[in-house]
Structure formats: C-alpha cells, structure tokens
Amino acid sequence: GCMQKRNRHLVDCSSACICFLTKHEGGTAYTVDYAK
C-alpha cells in the first residue's frame, strides 16, 4: 500500500495531473481517477 499512499499524496498536494494513461487499469488509472 505504500505506492498507493505516495500516489494519493501526489494528488493531494497538486493542482494538476500530467499522466500517460493508455489503459484504464492499474496504479496509474487509480491515481488519475483519484485526481479527477
């Protein structure tokens, strides 16, 4: 769960999310959904 905690921290401390999301699954998709 430490990676998820890091990703949530990044979102919580940001005003924008720049990502490279090609499929809607995995850690990147979860983080982008959280950012949305």
PDB file of all heavy atoms in Angstrom:
ATOM      1  N   GLY A   1       0.787  -1.217   0.000  1.00  0.00           N
ATOM      2  CA  GLY A   1       0.000   0.000   0.000  1.00  0.00           C
ATOM      3  C   GLY A   1       0.827   1.278   0.000  1.00  0.00           C
ATOM      4  O   GLY A   1       0.267   2.373  -0.109  1.00  0.00           O
ATOM      5  N   CYS A   2       2.154   1.171   0.110  1.00  0.00           N
ATOM      6  CA  CYS A   2       2.968   2.395   0.170  1.00  0.00           C
ATOM      7  C   CYS A   2       2.968   3.147  -1.162  1.00  0.00           C
ATOM      8  O   CYS A   2       3.046   4.380  -1.171  1.00  0.00           O
ATOM      9  CB  CYS A   2       4.392   2.109   0.652  1.00  0.00           C
ATOM     10  SG  CYS A   2       5.460   1.229  -0.495  1.00  0.00           S
ATOM     11  N   MET A   3       2.864   2.447  -2.276  1.00  0.00           N
ATOM     12  CA  MET A   3       2.797   3.126  -3.576  1.00  0.00           C
ATOM     13  C   MET A   3       1.488   3.903  -3.711  1.00  0.00           C
ATOM     14  O   MET A   3       1.478   5.039  -4.191  1.00  0.00           O
ATOM     15  CB  MET A   3       2.925   2.133  -4.729  1.00  0.00           C
ATOM     16  CG  MET A   3       4.229   1.376  -4.734  1.00  0.00           C
ATOM     17  SD  MET A   3       5.634   2.479  -4.870  1.00  0.00           S
ATOM     18  CE  MET A   3       6.851   1.378  -5.508  1.00  0.00           C
ATOM     19  N   GLN A   4       0.395   3.298  -3.288  1.00  0.00           N
ATOM     20  CA  GLN A   4      -0.898   3.981  -3.326  1.00  0.00           C
ATOM     21  C   GLN A   4      -0.880   5.206  -2.422  1.00  0.00           C
ATOM     22  O   GLN A   4      -1.384   6.273  -2.797  1.00  0.00           O
ATOM     23  CB  GLN A   4      -2.018   3.035  -2.903  1.00  0.00           C
ATOM     24  CG  GLN A   4      -3.383   3.685  -2.959  1.00  0.00           C
ATOM     25  CD  GLN A   4      -4.489   2.757  -2.495  1.00  0.00           C
ATOM     26  OE1 GLN A   4      -4.261   1.776  -1.793  1.00  0.00           O
ATOM     27  NE2 GLN A   4      -5.713   3.079  -2.882  1.00  0.00           N
ATOM     28  N   LYS A   5      -0.268   5.083  -1.246  1.00  0.00           N
ATOM     29  CA  LYS A   5      -0.166   6.227  -0.344  1.00  0.00           C
ATOM     30  C   LYS A   5       0.628   7.356  -1.006  1.00  0.00           C
ATOM     31  O   LYS A   5       0.252   8.523  -0.925  1.00  0.00           O
ATOM     32  CB  LYS A   5       0.497   5.820   0.967  1.00  0.00           C
ATOM     33  CG  LYS A   5       0.614   6.961   1.944  1.00  0.00           C
ATOM     34  CD  LYS A   5       1.244   6.543   3.255  1.00  0.00           C
ATOM     35  CE  LYS A   5       1.371   7.744   4.174  1.00  0.00           C
ATOM     36  NZ  LYS A   5       1.990   7.394   5.446  1.00  0.00           N
ATOM     37  N   ARG A   6       1.735   7.003  -1.687  1.00  0.00           N
ATOM     38  CA  ARG A   6       2.542   8.005  -2.387  1.00  0.00           C
ATOM     39  C   ARG A   6       1.717   8.694  -3.476  1.00  0.00           C
ATOM     40  O   ARG A   6       1.724   9.917  -3.606  1.00  0.00           O
ATOM     41  CB  ARG A   6       3.783   7.341  -2.994  1.00  0.00           C
ATOM     42  CG  ARG A   6       4.814   8.265  -3.632  1.00  0.00           C
ATOM     43  CD  ARG A   6       4.651   8.534  -5.118  1.00  0.00           C
ATOM     44  NE  ARG A   6       4.208   7.406  -5.908  1.00  0.00           N
ATOM     45  CZ  ARG A   6       5.008   6.575  -6.576  1.00  0.00           C
ATOM     46  NH1 ARG A   6       6.315   6.734  -6.539  1.00  0.00           N
ATOM     47  NH2 ARG A   6       4.512   5.597  -7.289  1.00  0.00           N
ATOM     48  N   ASN A   7       0.989   7.895  -4.265  1.00  0.00           N
ATOM     49  CA  ASN A   7       0.187   8.454  -5.356  1.00  0.00           C
ATOM     50  C   ASN A   7      -0.897   9.399  -4.833  1.00  0.00           C
ATOM     51  O   ASN A   7      -1.128  10.462  -5.403  1.00  0.00           O
ATOM     52  CB  ASN A   7      -0.428   7.334  -6.187  1.00  0.00           C
ATOM     53  CG  ASN A   7       0.625   6.540  -6.940  1.00  0.00           C
ATOM     54  OD1 ASN A   7       1.772   6.950  -7.049  1.00  0.00           O
ATOM     55  ND2 ASN A   7       0.237   5.384  -7.440  1.00  0.00           N
ATOM     56  N   ARG A   8      -1.547   9.027  -3.743  1.00  0.00           N
ATOM     57  CA  ARG A   8      -2.568   9.886  -3.150  1.00  0.00           C
ATOM     58  C   ARG A   8      -1.933  11.176  -2.622  1.00  0.00           C
ATOM     59  O   ARG A   8      -2.504  12.254  -2.758  1.00  0.00           O
ATOM     60  CB  ARG A   8      -3.325   9.155  -2.051  1.00  0.00           C
ATOM     61  CG  ARG A   8      -4.228   8.042  -2.605  1.00  0.00           C
ATOM     62  CD  ARG A   8      -4.949   7.310  -1.503  1.00  0.00           C
ATOM     63  NE  ARG A   8      -6.009   8.108  -0.922  1.00  0.00           N
ATOM     64  CZ  ARG A   8      -7.266   8.137  -1.342  1.00  0.00           C
ATOM     65  NH1 ARG A   8      -7.626   7.414  -2.391  1.00  0.00           N
ATOM     66  NH2 ARG A   8      -8.165   8.881  -0.742  1.00  0.00           N
ATOM     67  N   HIS A   9      -0.764  11.070  -2.043  1.00  0.00           N
ATOM     68  CA  HIS A   9      -0.043  12.251  -1.551  1.00  0.00           C
ATOM     69  C   HIS A   9       0.256  13.201  -2.709  1.00  0.00           C
ATOM     70  O   HIS A   9       0.080  14.417  -2.580  1.00  0.00           O
ATOM     71  CB  HIS A   9       1.245  11.830  -0.844  1.00  0.00           C
ATOM     72  CG  HIS A   9       2.074  12.980  -0.366  1.00  0.00           C
ATOM     73  ND1 HIS A   9       1.882  13.553   0.864  1.00  0.00           N
ATOM     74  CD2 HIS A   9       3.074  13.663  -0.960  1.00  0.00           C
ATOM     75  CE1 HIS A   9       2.733  14.558   1.009  1.00  0.00           C
ATOM     76  NE2 HIS A   9       3.472  14.636  -0.083  1.00  0.00           N
ATOM     77  N   LEU A  10       0.703  12.642  -3.833  1.00  0.00           N
ATOM     78  CA  LEU A  10       0.995  13.470  -5.002  1.00  0.00           C
ATOM     79  C   LEU A  10      -0.247  14.243  -5.448  1.00  0.00           C
ATOM     80  O   LEU A  10      -0.176  15.438  -5.723  1.00  0.00           O
ATOM     81  CB  LEU A  10       1.515  12.608  -6.154  1.00  0.00           C
ATOM     82  CG  LEU A  10       2.914  12.023  -5.989  1.00  0.00           C
ATOM     83  CD1 LEU A  10       3.193  10.992  -7.081  1.00  0.00           C
ATOM     84  CD2 LEU A  10       3.961  13.118  -6.006  1.00  0.00           C
ATOM     85  N   VAL A  11      -1.366  13.559  -5.517  1.00  0.00           N
ATOM     86  CA  VAL A  11      -2.617  14.207  -5.924  1.00  0.00           C
ATOM     87  C   VAL A  11      -3.034  15.248  -4.895  1.00  0.00           C
ATOM     88  O   VAL A  11      -3.400  16.372  -5.242  1.00  0.00           O
ATOM     89  CB  VAL A  11      -3.734  13.160  -6.141  1.00  0.00           C
ATOM     90  CG1 VAL A  11      -5.096  13.831  -6.316  1.00  0.00           C
ATOM     91  CG2 VAL A  11      -3.414  12.275  -7.344  1.00  0.00           C
ATOM     92  N   ASP A  12      -2.972  14.891  -3.628  1.00  0.00           N
ATOM     93  CA  ASP A  12      -3.421  15.789  -2.570  1.00  0.00           C
ATOM     94  C   ASP A  12      -2.612  17.089  -2.515  1.00  0.00           C
ATOM     95  O   ASP A  12      -3.112  18.109  -2.031  1.00  0.00           O
ATOM     96  CB  ASP A  12      -3.366  15.091  -1.205  1.00  0.00           C
ATOM     97  CG  ASP A  12      -4.407  13.984  -1.063  1.00  0.00           C
ATOM     98  OD1 ASP A  12      -5.397  13.983  -1.828  1.00  0.00           O
ATOM     99  OD2 ASP A  12      -4.218  13.117  -0.193  1.00  0.00           O
ATOM    100  N   CYS A  13      -1.391  17.045  -3.005  1.00  0.00           N
ATOM    101  CA  CYS A  13      -0.518  18.227  -2.964  1.00  0.00           C
ATOM    102  C   CYS A  13      -0.381  18.905  -4.328  1.00  0.00           C
ATOM    103  O   CYS A  13       0.541  19.696  -4.536  1.00  0.00           O
ATOM    104  CB  CYS A  13       0.857  17.824  -2.435  1.00  0.00           C
ATOM    105  SG  CYS A  13       0.826  17.234  -0.743  1.00  0.00           S
ATOM    106  N   SER A  14      -1.275  18.596  -5.258  1.00  0.00           N
ATOM    107  CA  SER A  14      -1.155  19.112  -6.622  1.00  0.00           C
ATOM    108  C   SER A  14      -2.418  19.840  -7.063  1.00  0.00           C
ATOM    109  O   SER A  14      -3.492  19.637  -6.510  1.00  0.00           O
ATOM    110  CB  SER A  14      -0.889  17.963  -7.599  1.00  0.00           C
ATOM    111  OG  SER A  14       0.312  17.308  -7.275  1.00  0.00           O
ATOM    112  N   SER A  15      -2.263  20.661  -8.085  1.00  0.00           N
ATOM    113  CA  SER A  15      -3.410  21.315  -8.704  1.00  0.00           C
ATOM    114  C   SER A  15      -3.647  20.787 -10.117  1.00  0.00           C
ATOM    115  O   SER A  15      -4.655  21.088 -10.736  1.00  0.00           O
ATOM    116  CB  SER A  15      -3.200  22.826  -8.754  1.00  0.00           C
ATOM    117  OG  SER A  15      -2.022  23.128  -9.470  1.00  0.00           O
ATOM    118  N   ALA A  16      -2.692  19.998 -10.624  1.00  0.00           N
ATOM    119  CA  ALA A  16      -2.807  19.419 -11.969  1.00  0.00           C
ATOM    120  C   ALA A  16      -2.204  18.019 -11.966  1.00  0.00           C
ATOM    121  O   ALA A  16      -1.351  17.704 -11.135  1.00  0.00           O
ATOM    122  CB  ALA A  16      -2.096  20.289 -12.996  1.00  0.00           C
ATOM    123  N   CYS A  17      -2.659  17.209 -12.894  1.00  0.00           N
ATOM    124  CA  CYS A  17      -2.146  15.847 -13.049  1.00  0.00           C
ATOM    125  C   CYS A  17      -1.760  15.657 -14.512  1.00  0.00           C
ATOM    126  O   CYS A  17      -2.609  15.717 -15.397  1.00  0.00           O
ATOM    127  CB  CYS A  17      -3.220  14.835 -12.640  1.00  0.00           C
ATOM    128  SG  CYS A  17      -2.757  13.110 -12.932  1.00  0.00           S
ATOM    129  N   ILE A  18      -0.478  15.452 -14.756  1.00  0.00           N
ATOM    130  CA  ILE A  18       0.008  15.140 -16.096  1.00  0.00           C
ATOM    131  C   ILE A  18       0.340  13.654 -16.087  1.00  0.00           C
ATOM    132  O   ILE A  18       1.154  13.202 -15.277  1.00  0.00           O
ATOM    133  CB  ILE A  18       1.244  15.977 -16.463  1.00  0.00           C
ATOM    134  CG1 ILE A  18       0.913  17.467 -16.378  1.00  0.00           C
ATOM    135  CG2 ILE A  18       1.751  15.596 -17.855  1.00  0.00           C
ATOM    136  CD1 ILE A  18       2.108  18.378 -16.526  1.00  0.00           C
ATOM    137  N   CYS A  19      -0.316  12.902 -16.949  1.00  0.00           N
ATOM    138  CA  CYS A  19      -0.147  11.448 -16.921  1.00  0.00           C
ATOM    139  C   CYS A  19       0.051  10.910 -18.334  1.00  0.00           C
ATOM    140  O   CYS A  19      -0.119  11.619 -19.325  1.00  0.00           O
ATOM    141  CB  CYS A  19      -1.360  10.791 -16.286  1.00  0.00           C
ATOM    142  SG  CYS A  19      -2.890  11.038 -17.229  1.00  0.00           S
ATOM    143  N   PHE A  20       0.398   9.642 -18.396  1.00  0.00           N
ATOM    144  CA  PHE A  20       0.451   8.898 -19.652  1.00  0.00           C
ATOM    145  C   PHE A  20      -0.363   7.640 -19.411  1.00  0.00           C
ATOM    146  O   PHE A  20       0.143   6.626 -18.947  1.00  0.00           O
ATOM    147  CB  PHE A  20       1.899   8.565 -20.030  1.00  0.00           C
ATOM    148  CG  PHE A  20       2.022   8.018 -21.429  1.00  0.00           C
ATOM    149  CD1 PHE A  20       2.197   8.871 -22.507  1.00  0.00           C
ATOM    150  CD2 PHE A  20       1.937   6.652 -21.669  1.00  0.00           C
ATOM    151  CE1 PHE A  20       2.292   8.380 -23.800  1.00  0.00           C
ATOM    152  CE2 PHE A  20       2.029   6.144 -22.955  1.00  0.00           C
ATOM    153  CZ  PHE A  20       2.215   7.008 -24.026  1.00  0.00           C
ATOM    154  N   LEU A  21      -1.650   7.722 -19.676  1.00  0.00           N
ATOM    155  CA  LEU A  21      -2.594   6.649 -19.386  1.00  0.00           C
ATOM    156  C   LEU A  21      -3.118   6.067 -20.691  1.00  0.00           C
ATOM    157  O   LEU A  21      -3.789   6.753 -21.455  1.00  0.00           O
ATOM    158  CB  LEU A  21      -3.758   7.188 -18.540  1.00  0.00           C
ATOM    159  CG  LEU A  21      -4.832   6.190 -18.137  1.00  0.00           C
ATOM    160  CD1 LEU A  21      -4.256   5.105 -17.231  1.00  0.00           C
ATOM    161  CD2 LEU A  21      -5.972   6.915 -17.431  1.00  0.00           C
ATOM    162  N   THR A  22      -2.783   4.788 -20.944  1.00  0.00           N
ATOM    163  CA  THR A  22      -3.212   4.134 -22.176  1.00  0.00           C
ATOM    164  C   THR A  22      -4.252   3.045 -21.932  1.00  0.00           C
ATOM    165  O   THR A  22      -4.916   2.615 -22.863  1.00  0.00           O
ATOM    166  CB  THR A  22      -2.014   3.505 -22.907  1.00  0.00           C
ATOM    167  OG1 THR A  22      -1.365   2.579 -22.034  1.00  0.00           O
ATOM    168  CG2 THR A  22      -1.026   4.585 -23.361  1.00  0.00           C
ATOM    169  N   LYS A  23      -4.382   2.580 -20.708  1.00  0.00           N
ATOM    170  CA  LYS A  23      -5.400   1.581 -20.372  1.00  0.00           C
ATOM    171  C   LYS A  23      -5.932   1.893 -18.979  1.00  0.00           C
ATOM    172  O   LYS A  23      -5.204   2.384 -18.118  1.00  0.00           O
ATOM    173  CB  LYS A  23      -4.850   0.159 -20.447  1.00  0.00           C
ATOM    174  CG  LYS A  23      -3.619  -0.087 -19.597  1.00  0.00           C
ATOM    175  CD  LYS A  23      -3.054  -1.477 -19.807  1.00  0.00           C
ATOM    176  CE  LYS A  23      -1.775  -1.641 -18.980  1.00  0.00           C
ATOM    177  NZ  LYS A  23      -1.205  -2.948 -19.133  1.00  0.00           N
ATOM    178  N   HIS A  24      -7.196   1.640 -18.818  1.00  0.00           N
ATOM    179  CA  HIS A  24      -7.834   2.039 -17.571  1.00  0.00           C
ATOM    180  C   HIS A  24      -7.788   0.902 -16.544  1.00  0.00           C
ATOM    181  O   HIS A  24      -8.823   0.338 -16.169  1.00  0.00           O
ATOM    182  CB  HIS A  24      -9.262   2.503 -17.817  1.00  0.00           C
ATOM    183  CG  HIS A  24      -9.744   3.426 -16.750  1.00  0.00           C
ATOM    184  ND1 HIS A  24      -9.337   4.737 -16.660  1.00  0.00           N
ATOM    185  CD2 HIS A  24     -10.544   3.211 -15.689  1.00  0.00           C
ATOM    186  CE1 HIS A  24      -9.886   5.292 -15.605  1.00  0.00           C
ATOM    187  NE2 HIS A  24     -10.624   4.382 -15.003  1.00  0.00           N
ATOM    188  N   GLU A  25      -6.578   0.605 -16.118  1.00  0.00           N
ATOM    189  CA  GLU A  25      -6.377  -0.393 -15.062  1.00  0.00           C
ATOM    190  C   GLU A  25      -5.021  -0.133 -14.420  1.00  0.00           C
ATOM    191  O   GLU A  25      -4.153   0.514 -15.004  1.00  0.00           O
ATOM    192  CB  GLU A  25      -6.437  -1.815 -15.627  1.00  0.00           C
ATOM    193  CG  GLU A  25      -5.402  -2.091 -16.699  1.00  0.00           C
ATOM    194  CD  GLU A  25      -5.551  -3.465 -17.338  1.00  0.00           C
ATOM    195  OE1 GLU A  25      -6.699  -3.911 -17.536  1.00  0.00           O
ATOM    196  OE2 GLU A  25      -4.525  -4.081 -17.637  1.00  0.00           O
ATOM    197  N   GLY A  26      -4.866  -0.599 -13.200  1.00  0.00           N
ATOM    198  CA  GLY A  26      -3.586  -0.462 -12.515  1.00  0.00           C
ATOM    199  C   GLY A  26      -3.444   0.843 -11.749  1.00  0.00           C
ATOM    200  O   GLY A  26      -4.382   1.645 -11.632  1.00  0.00           O
ATOM    201  N   GLY A  27      -2.238   1.053 -11.235  1.00  0.00           N
ATOM    202  CA  GLY A  27      -1.949   2.179 -10.363  1.00  0.00           C
ATOM    203  C   GLY A  27      -2.117   3.538 -11.010  1.00  0.00           C
ATOM    204  O   GLY A  27      -2.608   4.481 -10.386  1.00  0.00           O
ATOM    205  N   THR A  28      -1.724   3.660 -12.272  1.00  0.00           N
ATOM    206  CA  THR A  28      -1.869   4.947 -12.957  1.00  0.00           C
ATOM    207  C   THR A  28      -3.348   5.293 -13.109  1.00  0.00           C
ATOM    208  O   THR A  28      -3.754   6.427 -12.828  1.00  0.00           O
ATOM    209  CB  THR A  28      -1.170   4.931 -14.324  1.00  0.00           C
ATOM    210  OG1 THR A  28       0.208   4.627 -14.135  1.00  0.00           O
ATOM    211  CG2 THR A  28      -1.308   6.265 -15.032  1.00  0.00           C
ATOM    212  N   ALA A  29      -4.160   4.330 -13.519  1.00  0.00           N
ATOM    213  CA  ALA A  29      -5.601   4.571 -13.683  1.00  0.00           C
ATOM    214  C   ALA A  29      -6.236   4.939 -12.348  1.00  0.00           C
ATOM    215  O   ALA A  29      -7.057   5.872 -12.274  1.00  0.00           O
ATOM    216  CB  ALA A  29      -6.279   3.345 -14.279  1.00  0.00           C
ATOM    217  N   TYR A  30      -5.864   4.245 -11.303  1.00  0.00           N
ATOM    218  CA  TYR A  30      -6.403   4.554  -9.972  1.00  0.00           C
ATOM    219  C   TYR A  30      -6.059   5.992  -9.575  1.00  0.00           C
ATOM    220  O   TYR A  30      -6.896   6.737  -9.084  1.00  0.00           O
ATOM    221  CB  TYR A  30      -5.844   3.571  -8.936  1.00  0.00           C
ATOM    222  CG  TYR A  30      -6.241   3.927  -7.530  1.00  0.00           C
ATOM    223  CD1 TYR A  30      -7.453   3.488  -6.995  1.00  0.00           C
ATOM    224  CD2 TYR A  30      -5.421   4.740  -6.748  1.00  0.00           C
ATOM    225  CE1 TYR A  30      -7.836   3.838  -5.706  1.00  0.00           C
ATOM    226  CE2 TYR A  30      -5.796   5.092  -5.462  1.00  0.00           C
ATOM    227  CZ  TYR A  30      -6.995   4.641  -4.945  1.00  0.00           C
ATOM    228  OH  TYR A  30      -7.374   4.997  -3.677  1.00  0.00           O
ATOM    229  N   THR A  31      -4.805   6.378  -9.813  1.00  0.00           N
ATOM    230  CA  THR A  31      -4.349   7.713  -9.434  1.00  0.00           C
ATOM    231  C   THR A  31      -5.046   8.790 -10.259  1.00  0.00           C
ATOM    232  O   THR A  31      -5.451   9.829  -9.735  1.00  0.00           O
ATOM    233  CB  THR A  31      -2.821   7.813  -9.570  1.00  0.00           C
ATOM    234  OG1 THR A  31      -2.231   6.778  -8.780  1.00  0.00           O
ATOM    235  CG2 THR A  31      -2.310   9.162  -9.111  1.00  0.00           C
ATOM    236  N   VAL A  32      -5.214   8.543 -11.555  1.00  0.00           N
ATOM    237  CA  VAL A  32      -5.914   9.503 -12.417  1.00  0.00           C
ATOM    238  C   VAL A  32      -7.369   9.643 -11.970  1.00  0.00           C
ATOM    239  O   VAL A  32      -7.898  10.760 -11.905  1.00  0.00           O
ATOM    240  CB  VAL A  32      -5.796   9.095 -13.902  1.00  0.00           C
ATOM    241  CG1 VAL A  32      -6.729   9.921 -14.781  1.00  0.00           C
ATOM    242  CG2 VAL A  32      -4.355   9.237 -14.370  1.00  0.00           C
ATOM    243  N   ASP A  33      -8.013   8.533 -11.640  1.00  0.00           N
ATOM    244  CA  ASP A  33      -9.392   8.604 -11.138  1.00  0.00           C
ATOM    245  C   ASP A  33      -9.463   9.428  -9.855  1.00  0.00           C
ATOM    246  O   ASP A  33     -10.370  10.241  -9.679  1.00  0.00           O
ATOM    247  CB  ASP A  33      -9.960   7.206 -10.892  1.00  0.00           C
ATOM    248  CG  ASP A  33     -10.347   6.484 -12.163  1.00  0.00           C
ATOM    249  OD1 ASP A  33     -10.479   7.148 -13.219  1.00  0.00           O
ATOM    250  OD2 ASP A  33     -10.512   5.256 -12.109  1.00  0.00           O
ATOM    251  N   TYR A  34      -8.506   9.221  -8.972  1.00  0.00           N
ATOM    252  CA  TYR A  34      -8.458   9.976  -7.728  1.00  0.00           C
ATOM    253  C   TYR A  34      -8.255  11.465  -8.014  1.00  0.00           C
ATOM    254  O   TYR A  34      -8.901  12.321  -7.407  1.00  0.00           O
ATOM    255  CB  TYR A  34      -7.358   9.420  -6.816  1.00  0.00           C
ATOM    256  CG  TYR A  34      -7.280  10.091  -5.470  1.00  0.00           C
ATOM    257  CD1 TYR A  34      -8.331  10.008  -4.556  1.00  0.00           C
ATOM    258  CD2 TYR A  34      -6.146  10.802  -5.097  1.00  0.00           C
ATOM    259  CE1 TYR A  34      -8.266  10.624  -3.323  1.00  0.00           C
ATOM    260  CE2 TYR A  34      -6.064  11.424  -3.857  1.00  0.00           C
ATOM    261  CZ  TYR A  34      -7.131  11.328  -2.970  1.00  0.00           C
ATOM    262  OH  TYR A  34      -7.052  11.941  -1.746  1.00  0.00           O
ATOM    263  N   ALA A  35      -7.379  11.773  -8.966  1.00  0.00           N
ATOM    264  CA  ALA A  35      -7.138  13.168  -9.350  1.00  0.00           C
ATOM    265  C   ALA A  35      -8.409  13.804  -9.904  1.00  0.00           C
ATOM    266  O   ALA A  35      -8.718  14.968  -9.601  1.00  0.00           O
ATOM    267  CB  ALA A  35      -6.006  13.246 -10.372  1.00  0.00           C
ATOM    268  N   LYS A  36      -9.166  13.054 -10.704  1.00  0.00           N
ATOM    269  CA  LYS A  36     -10.431  13.564 -11.238  1.00  0.00           C
ATOM    270  C   LYS A  36     -11.412  13.848 -10.103  1.00  0.00           C
ATOM    271  O   LYS A  36     -12.090  14.883 -10.096  1.00  0.00           O
ATOM    272  CB  LYS A  36     -11.046  12.552 -12.210  1.00  0.00           C
ATOM    273  CG  LYS A  36     -10.354  12.462 -13.542  1.00  0.00           C
ATOM    274  CD  LYS A  36     -11.017  11.393 -14.403  1.00  0.00           C
ATOM    275  CE  LYS A  36     -10.306  11.189 -15.717  1.00  0.00           C
ATOM    276  NZ  LYS A  36     -10.906  10.080 -16.492  1.00  0.00           N
TER     277      LYS A  36
END
